[in-house]
Amino acid sequence: MILGVVLAGGQSTRFGSDKALAEFGGRTLLARAVDALGGLCEYVVVAGREMAPAPTIPDWPHPGMGPLAGIAAGLRLAQDDDYESVLTCGVDSVDLPENLLDMLEPGPAYLADQPVVGLWPVGAAATIERILESDGRHSMLAFAEAVGARAVKTQSQSANINTPADLAAMEQRHGL
């Protein structure tokens, strides 16, 4: 079984407002990310928010530690609830490939152009906790390297919406 985790605990500093609530084609980015994972996973949660269109979990060990804290929270929940792995995506994951799971299995693996989109085995929980409790680098790539994850290249570039201009460009590409 796969637990889906939408990483939504970011500060949205470059976006200027709460990116998760920004609308794309009449729906929030957060709702779109939840729906995208909902089609691929048995259960979906949102990490790093108190309110969402799915159950929420707090970042671990605490907020403000970037996407690794959301992944750690998801891995801990997956361990407790007997899931085999966790599929993660950012709140701005608008264009996930239809064959995402086929591309990422077997995990650990992540999209090379968007490392927060990844499939992480529950056994990676101890590694991510060690990284987050250390004084070393708390980056996605440091975690991916530590668990021996494969970087998967895709034909098209995944969405990475960091500013309102990025969102406008995405809407234009989709004819919205």
Protein backbone atom coordinates (compact mmCIF):
# COMPACT_ATOMS: atom_id res chain seq x y z
CA MET A 1 0.00 0.00 0.00
CA ILE A 2 1.12 3.52 -0.82
CA LEU A 3 0.44 6.59 1.30
CA GLY A 4 0.22 9.86 -0.65
CA VAL A 5 1.66 12.96 1.01
CA VAL A 6 1.22 16.47 -0.38
CA LEU A 7 4.01 18.68 0.95
CA ALA A 8 2.32 21.96 1.83
CA GLY A 9 4.31 23.39 4.74
CA GLY A 10 6.36 25.91 2.76
CA GLN A 11 6.43 29.62 3.49
CA SER A 12 5.62 30.69 -0.12
CA THR A 13 8.02 33.63 0.24
CA ARG A 14 8.76 33.90 -3.47
CA PHE A 15 5.05 33.57 -4.31
CA GLY A 16 4.08 36.45 -2.01
CA SER A 17 0.94 34.76 -0.63
CA ASP A 18 -0.18 31.26 0.32
CA LYS A 19 0.74 29.32 -2.84
CA ALA A 20 -1.36 26.32 -1.81
CA LEU A 21 -4.51 28.45 -2.09
CA ALA A 22 -3.61 30.02 -5.43
CA GLU A 23 -6.05 28.99 -8.14
CA PHE A 24 -5.17 27.24 -11.35
CA GLY A 25 -8.08 26.69 -13.70
CA GLY A 26 -10.61 27.52 -10.99
CA ARG A 27 -9.22 25.09 -8.38
CA THR A 28 -6.55 25.59 -5.75
CA LEU A 29 -3.11 24.13 -6.31
CA LEU A 30 -3.56 22.22 -3.05
CA ALA A 31 -6.82 20.58 -4.20
CA ARG A 32 -5.21 19.63 -7.51
CA ALA A 33 -2.22 18.03 -5.77
CA VAL A 34 -4.49 16.06 -3.42
CA ASP A 35 -6.54 14.82 -6.39
CA ALA A 36 -3.41 13.89 -8.35
CA LEU A 37 -2.13 11.66 -5.54
CA GLY A 38 -5.63 10.37 -4.82
CA GLY A 39 -5.64 8.65 -8.18
CA LEU A 40 -2.37 6.86 -7.37
CA CYS A 41 -2.51 6.06 -3.65
CA GLU A 42 -4.76 4.26 -1.20
CA TYR A 43 -4.86 7.26 1.14
CA VAL A 44 -3.70 10.89 0.89
CA VAL A 45 -2.71 13.36 3.60
CA VAL A 46 -1.40 16.90 3.51
CA ALA A 47 1.75 17.64 5.52
CA GLY A 48 2.49 21.01 7.05
CA ARG A 49 -1.01 22.57 7.10
CA GLU A 50 -3.88 22.61 9.53
CA MET A 51 -6.63 23.02 6.92
CA ALA A 52 -6.78 21.14 3.62
CA PRO A 53 -9.13 19.15 1.39
CA ALA A 54 -7.66 15.96 2.92
CA PRO A 55 -6.56 14.90 6.42
CA THR A 56 -3.52 16.83 7.66
CA ILE A 57 -0.38 15.95 9.58
CA PRO A 58 2.18 18.32 11.11
CA ASP A 59 5.71 18.45 9.75
CA TRP A 60 8.22 16.42 11.77
CA PRO A 61 10.06 17.28 13.93
CA HIS A 62 8.64 20.79 13.57
CA PRO A 63 7.57 23.35 10.94
CA GLY A 64 10.08 25.42 9.03
CA MET A 65 12.42 22.57 8.10
CA GLY A 66 11.48 22.37 4.43
CA PRO A 67 10.10 19.45 2.45
CA LEU A 68 12.09 16.86 4.40
CA ALA A 69 9.95 17.57 7.46
CA GLY A 70 6.80 16.77 5.48
CA ILE A 71 8.32 13.60 4.07
CA ALA A 72 9.47 12.57 7.55
CA ALA A 73 5.94 13.10 8.90
CA GLY A 74 4.54 10.99 6.07
CA LEU A 75 7.05 8.20 6.59
CA ARG A 76 6.30 8.12 10.30
CA LEU A 77 2.54 7.87 9.61
CA ALA A 78 3.18 5.19 6.98
CA GLN A 79 5.21 3.17 9.49
CA ASP A 80 2.48 3.41 12.12
CA ASP A 81 -0.28 2.45 9.66
CA ASP A 82 1.59 -0.38 7.86
CA TYR A 83 2.06 1.26 4.45
CA GLU A 84 4.92 0.01 2.29
CA SER A 85 5.91 3.36 0.83
CA VAL A 86 5.10 7.06 0.55
CA LEU A 87 4.50 8.94 -2.69
CA THR A 88 5.21 12.65 -2.23
CA CYS A 89 4.57 15.74 -4.29
CA GLY A 90 4.72 19.47 -3.74
CA VAL A 91 1.63 21.60 -3.51
CA ASP A 92 2.45 22.93 -7.00
CA SER A 93 2.57 19.51 -8.68
CA VAL A 94 0.18 20.31 -11.50
CA ASP A 95 1.60 18.21 -14.34
CA LEU A 96 2.46 14.84 -12.81
CA PRO A 97 3.05 12.19 -15.48
CA GLU A 98 0.15 9.73 -15.84
CA ASN A 99 2.60 6.84 -15.46
CA LEU A 100 4.31 8.34 -12.39
CA LEU A 101 4.21 5.18 -10.29
CA ASP A 102 5.53 3.06 -13.16
CA MET A 103 8.41 5.52 -13.50
CA LEU A 104 9.27 5.58 -9.80
CA GLU A 105 8.82 1.92 -8.88
CA PRO A 106 10.69 0.39 -7.30
CA GLY A 107 11.53 3.13 -4.84
CA PRO A 108 13.38 4.96 -3.63
CA ALA A 109 13.19 7.20 -6.66
CA TYR A 110 12.35 10.82 -7.48
CA LEU A 111 11.80 13.03 -10.51
CA ALA A 112 15.16 14.54 -11.44
CA ASP A 113 13.64 17.95 -12.26
CA GLN A 114 11.41 18.01 -9.16
CA PRO A 115 12.98 16.02 -6.28
CA VAL A 116 10.00 16.51 -3.95
CA VAL A 117 8.07 14.19 -6.26
CA GLY A 118 9.27 10.81 -5.10
CA LEU A 119 8.50 7.32 -3.95
CA TRP A 120 10.09 6.55 -0.59
CA PRO A 121 10.08 3.18 1.17
CA VAL A 122 8.97 3.24 4.79
CA GLY A 123 12.43 2.00 5.77
CA ALA A 124 13.78 5.45 4.84
CA ALA A 125 12.17 6.94 7.97
CA ALA A 126 15.23 6.34 10.15
CA THR A 127 17.51 7.98 7.58
CA ILE A 128 15.41 11.11 7.18
CA GLU A 129 15.04 11.45 10.95
CA ARG A 130 18.82 11.23 11.35
CA ILE A 131 19.29 13.92 8.70
CA LEU A 132 16.74 16.25 10.27
CA GLU A 133 18.25 15.81 13.74
CA SER A 134 21.77 16.51 12.46
CA ASP A 135 23.58 19.76 11.80
CA GLY A 136 24.32 18.66 8.21
CA ARG A 137 22.53 19.49 4.99
CA HIS A 138 18.75 19.18 5.17
CA SER A 139 18.24 19.02 1.41
CA MET A 140 16.11 16.73 -0.73
CA LEU A 141 19.17 15.63 -2.67
CA ALA A 142 21.11 14.80 0.52
CA PHE A 143 18.20 12.61 1.62
CA ALA A 144 17.86 11.00 -1.81
CA GLU A 145 21.58 10.22 -1.88
CA ALA A 146 21.52 8.82 1.67
CA VAL A 147 18.77 6.32 0.78
CA GLY A 148 20.23 5.44 -2.63
CA ALA A 149 17.31 6.91 -4.59
CA ARG A 150 17.26 6.92 -8.39
CA ALA A 151 16.78 10.21 -10.23
CA VAL A 152 14.18 9.61 -12.94
CA LYS A 153 14.23 11.88 -15.99
CA THR A 154 10.95 12.68 -17.72
CA GLN A 155 10.09 13.72 -21.25
CA SER A 156 8.55 16.98 -20.08
CA GLN A 157 9.48 19.25 -17.23
CA SER A 158 7.27 19.10 -14.14
CA ALA A 159 5.59 22.21 -12.82
CA ASN A 160 7.58 24.32 -10.40
CA ILE A 161 5.42 27.27 -9.48
CA ASN A 162 7.37 29.65 -7.26
CA THR A 163 5.97 33.04 -8.30
CA PRO A 164 2.67 34.43 -9.61
CA ALA A 165 4.42 34.77 -13.00
CA ASP A 166 5.18 31.02 -12.97
CA LEU A 167 1.49 30.34 -12.31
CA ALA A 168 0.43 32.69 -15.12
CA ALA A 169 2.86 30.96 -17.52
CA MET A 170 1.46 27.56 -16.52
CA GLU A 171 -2.09 28.76 -17.12
CA GLN A 172 -1.05 30.07 -20.52
CA ARG A 173 0.55 26.72 -21.45
CA HIS A 174 -2.69 24.97 -20.48
CA GLY A 175 -4.87 27.51 -22.30
CA LEU A 176 -6.60 28.70 -19.11
